[in-house]
Protein backbone atom coordinates (compact mmCIF):
# COMPACT_ATOMS: atom_id res chain seq x y z
CA MET A 1 -257.31 -92.25 99.26
CA PRO A 2 -256.16 -89.85 102.01
CA PRO A 3 -258.05 -90.00 105.29
CA VAL A 4 -260.82 -87.45 105.86
CA HIS A 5 -260.55 -85.53 109.09
CA ARG A 6 -263.83 -84.45 110.58
CA LEU A 7 -264.22 -82.08 113.46
CA PRO A 8 -266.05 -83.51 116.45
CA PRO A 9 -269.64 -82.08 116.76
CA HIS A 10 -268.72 -79.71 119.58
CA SER A 11 -265.78 -78.32 117.54
CA ARG A 12 -268.04 -77.73 114.53
CA ARG A 13 -270.47 -75.79 116.71
CA GLN A 14 -267.61 -73.73 118.11
CA PHE A 15 -266.34 -73.05 114.60
CA LEU A 16 -269.79 -72.02 113.31
CA ARG A 17 -270.34 -69.81 116.36
CA ALA A 18 -266.96 -68.13 115.82
CA ALA A 19 -267.62 -67.70 112.08
CA GLY A 20 -271.02 -66.15 112.79
CA PHE A 21 -269.50 -63.78 115.33
CA ALA A 22 -266.78 -62.77 112.87
CA ALA A 23 -269.31 -62.11 110.13
CA ALA A 24 -271.56 -60.10 112.44
CA THR A 25 -268.58 -58.07 113.63
CA LEU A 26 -266.98 -57.43 110.25
CA VAL A 27 -270.11 -56.35 108.36
CA PRO A 28 -270.74 -53.28 110.56
CA VAL A 29 -267.02 -52.46 110.53
CA GLY A 30 -267.02 -52.60 106.74
CA ALA A 31 -270.15 -50.46 106.56
CA ALA A 32 -268.64 -47.95 108.98
CA CYS A 33 -265.47 -47.77 106.88
CA ALA A 34 -267.50 -47.20 103.74
CA ARG A 35 -269.46 -44.41 105.46
CA SER A 36 -266.28 -42.77 106.72
CA LEU A 37 -264.92 -42.64 103.18
CA GLU A 38 -268.17 -41.27 101.82
CA ARG A 39 -268.13 -37.83 100.28
CA ARG A 40 -271.34 -35.80 100.37
CA SER A 41 -271.99 -32.61 98.49
CA VAL A 42 -274.84 -30.22 97.78
CA SER A 43 -275.43 -27.60 95.10
CA PHE A 44 -277.70 -24.58 95.41
CA VAL A 45 -278.95 -21.63 93.40
CA HIS A 46 -280.77 -19.07 95.51
CA THR A 47 -283.83 -17.82 93.64
CA HIS A 48 -283.86 -14.44 95.43
CA THR A 49 -280.18 -13.51 95.42
CA GLY A 50 -278.97 -15.35 92.31
CA GLU A 51 -276.05 -16.74 94.33
CA SER A 52 -274.93 -20.30 93.70
CA LEU A 53 -272.79 -22.75 95.60
CA SER A 54 -271.54 -26.30 95.21
CA ALA A 55 -269.82 -27.68 98.28
CA VAL A 56 -268.51 -30.94 99.67
CA TYR A 57 -269.85 -30.66 103.21
CA PHE A 58 -268.92 -34.14 104.50
CA GLN A 59 -265.69 -35.99 103.78
CA ASP A 60 -263.36 -38.46 105.50
CA GLY A 61 -265.96 -39.20 108.17
CA ALA A 62 -266.53 -35.58 109.22
CA TYR A 63 -268.55 -32.51 108.37
CA GLN A 64 -266.35 -29.85 106.77
CA PRO A 65 -266.52 -26.59 108.81
CA ALA A 66 -265.46 -24.28 105.96
CA SER A 67 -268.12 -25.72 103.64
CA LEU A 68 -270.77 -25.53 106.37
CA GLN A 69 -269.96 -21.83 106.86
CA ARG A 70 -270.36 -21.17 103.13
CA ILE A 71 -273.70 -23.03 103.16
CA ASN A 72 -274.84 -21.06 106.24
CA TYR A 73 -274.08 -17.85 104.35
CA LEU A 74 -275.89 -18.85 101.16
CA LEU A 75 -278.96 -20.01 103.11
CA ARG A 76 -279.04 -16.84 105.26
CA ASP A 77 -282.15 -14.72 105.65
CA PHE A 78 -281.65 -12.63 102.51
CA ARG A 79 -284.13 -10.03 103.76
CA THR A 80 -282.21 -9.19 106.95
CA GLU A 81 -278.79 -10.69 106.06
CA ASP A 82 -278.92 -12.67 109.33
CA ILE A 83 -276.86 -15.86 109.20
CA HIS A 84 -277.71 -18.95 111.23
CA VAL A 85 -276.22 -22.42 111.52
CA ILE A 86 -277.94 -24.83 109.16
CA ASP A 87 -278.56 -28.28 110.62
CA PRO A 88 -276.14 -30.72 108.91
CA ALA A 89 -278.91 -33.34 109.10
CA LEU A 90 -280.89 -31.15 106.68
CA LEU A 91 -277.97 -31.28 104.26
CA ASP A 92 -277.97 -35.07 104.61
CA VAL A 93 -281.67 -35.11 103.69
CA LEU A 94 -280.92 -33.01 100.60
CA TYR A 95 -277.99 -35.25 99.67
CA GLU A 96 -280.15 -38.37 99.91
CA LEU A 97 -282.95 -36.70 97.97
CA ARG A 98 -280.60 -35.70 95.15
CA THR A 99 -279.20 -39.24 95.08
CA ARG A 100 -282.68 -40.76 94.91
CA ILE A 101 -283.87 -38.50 92.08
CA ASP A 102 -280.57 -39.15 90.28
CA ARG A 103 -280.06 -35.53 89.24
CA ASP A 104 -277.00 -33.29 89.43
CA ASP A 105 -279.00 -30.08 89.01
CA PRO A 106 -278.68 -27.67 91.93
CA PHE A 107 -281.51 -27.20 94.37
CA GLU A 108 -283.28 -23.93 93.71
CA VAL A 109 -283.66 -22.34 97.15
CA ILE A 110 -286.80 -20.36 97.84
CA SER A 111 -286.21 -20.09 101.59
CA GLY A 112 -283.51 -21.30 103.95
CA TYR A 113 -282.99 -19.69 107.34
CA ARG A 114 -285.58 -17.10 108.39
CA SER A 115 -285.03 -14.66 111.23
CA PRO A 116 -287.88 -14.34 113.74
CA HIS A 117 -288.55 -10.85 112.31
CA THR A 118 -288.86 -12.16 108.74
CA ASN A 119 -290.97 -15.10 109.84
CA ALA A 120 -293.39 -12.78 111.68
CA GLU A 121 -293.60 -10.49 108.65
CA LEU A 122 -294.30 -13.39 106.28
CA ARG A 123 -296.81 -14.85 108.74
CA SER A 124 -298.73 -11.56 108.80
CA HIS A 125 -299.28 -11.87 105.03
CA SER A 126 -299.81 -15.64 104.69
CA HIS A 127 -301.60 -18.34 106.61
CA GLY A 128 -299.07 -20.88 105.27
CA VAL A 129 -296.22 -19.67 107.52
CA ALA A 130 -295.89 -21.44 110.88
CA GLU A 131 -295.50 -19.29 113.99
CA HIS A 132 -292.70 -21.55 115.27
CA SER A 133 -291.26 -22.35 111.85
CA MET A 134 -288.27 -24.68 111.71
CA HIS A 135 -286.78 -22.20 109.23
CA MET A 136 -285.97 -20.05 112.29
CA GLU A 137 -283.85 -22.89 113.68
CA GLY A 138 -281.93 -23.59 110.46
CA LYS A 139 -283.73 -26.93 110.22
CA ALA A 140 -285.94 -26.30 107.17
CA ILE A 141 -285.59 -25.38 103.54
CA ASP A 142 -287.98 -24.72 100.63
CA ILE A 143 -286.67 -26.00 97.31
CA ARG A 144 -287.34 -27.19 93.80
CA VAL A 145 -285.17 -28.67 91.05
CA ALA A 146 -285.30 -27.19 87.54
CA GLY A 147 -286.91 -29.54 85.06
CA TYR A 148 -288.09 -31.94 87.78
CA SER A 149 -291.69 -32.13 88.93
CA THR A 150 -292.15 -30.77 92.45
CA ARG A 151 -294.92 -33.35 92.88
CA LYS A 152 -292.41 -36.13 92.15
CA LEU A 153 -289.85 -34.43 94.38
CA ARG A 154 -292.42 -34.44 97.19
CA ASP A 155 -293.20 -38.12 96.60
CA VAL A 156 -289.53 -39.10 96.79
CA ALA A 157 -289.04 -37.03 99.95
CA LEU A 158 -292.10 -38.64 101.55
CA GLY A 159 -290.66 -42.08 100.79
CA MET A 160 -287.46 -41.20 102.62
CA GLN A 161 -289.29 -40.75 105.95
CA ARG A 162 -286.62 -38.28 107.14
CA GLY A 163 -288.68 -35.39 108.55
CA GLY A 164 -291.41 -32.99 107.54
CA VAL A 165 -292.42 -32.64 103.89
CA GLY A 166 -294.72 -29.89 102.69
CA PHE A 167 -295.96 -29.49 99.12
CA TYR A 168 -296.91 -26.07 97.79
CA ALA A 169 -298.18 -26.77 94.28
CA SER A 170 -299.31 -23.21 93.52
CA SER A 171 -295.91 -21.79 94.50
CA ASP A 172 -294.07 -24.76 92.94
CA PHE A 173 -291.83 -25.79 95.84
CA VAL A 174 -291.31 -28.50 98.44
CA HIS A 175 -290.60 -27.79 102.10
CA LEU A 176 -288.20 -30.17 103.88
CA ASP A 177 -287.27 -30.14 107.55
CA THR A 178 -285.53 -32.31 110.12
CA GLY A 179 -288.47 -32.45 112.52
CA ARG A 180 -290.69 -35.45 113.11
CA VAL A 181 -291.98 -37.33 110.07
CA ARG A 182 -295.16 -35.62 108.85
CA PHE A 183 -296.58 -34.16 105.65
CA TRP A 184 -298.99 -31.54 104.40
């Protein structure tokens, strides 16, 4: 029988320490590589303009400027035609939401960006419009998904803990924003 070679105790500890370090180092590197290869897309149908858009907005580890511009245009204030930059983090919330509900249907957009003028006008007719609405910063959107309960959509969004979630049952939409985690 061939002799068995054992590492001395201090060598075993060194080996285990090195193996643990390698594992701890490689797991985040692998996760970072997977994220950099990730491809994120969104699809919209605007309920007021009838316009639709499907766009890959993140690919090869970077947000795609041309797609972001197209999204900014679709989510413009349709009343004034003002265009504003939409927070890419909001698109990430929508991407995660769509993934969690496991639906390919486009988000039906009720409201994306709102100019200060539009926000003031809407506020004068409704107590449900915030004076300092995140819509005016391109950090909020009101949506629904055809054939999917807005109540369930709200519940999934609440579980994500990724910002504000408002539920408007009578108007059949969910508000999402990239502010602090809160709900109403």
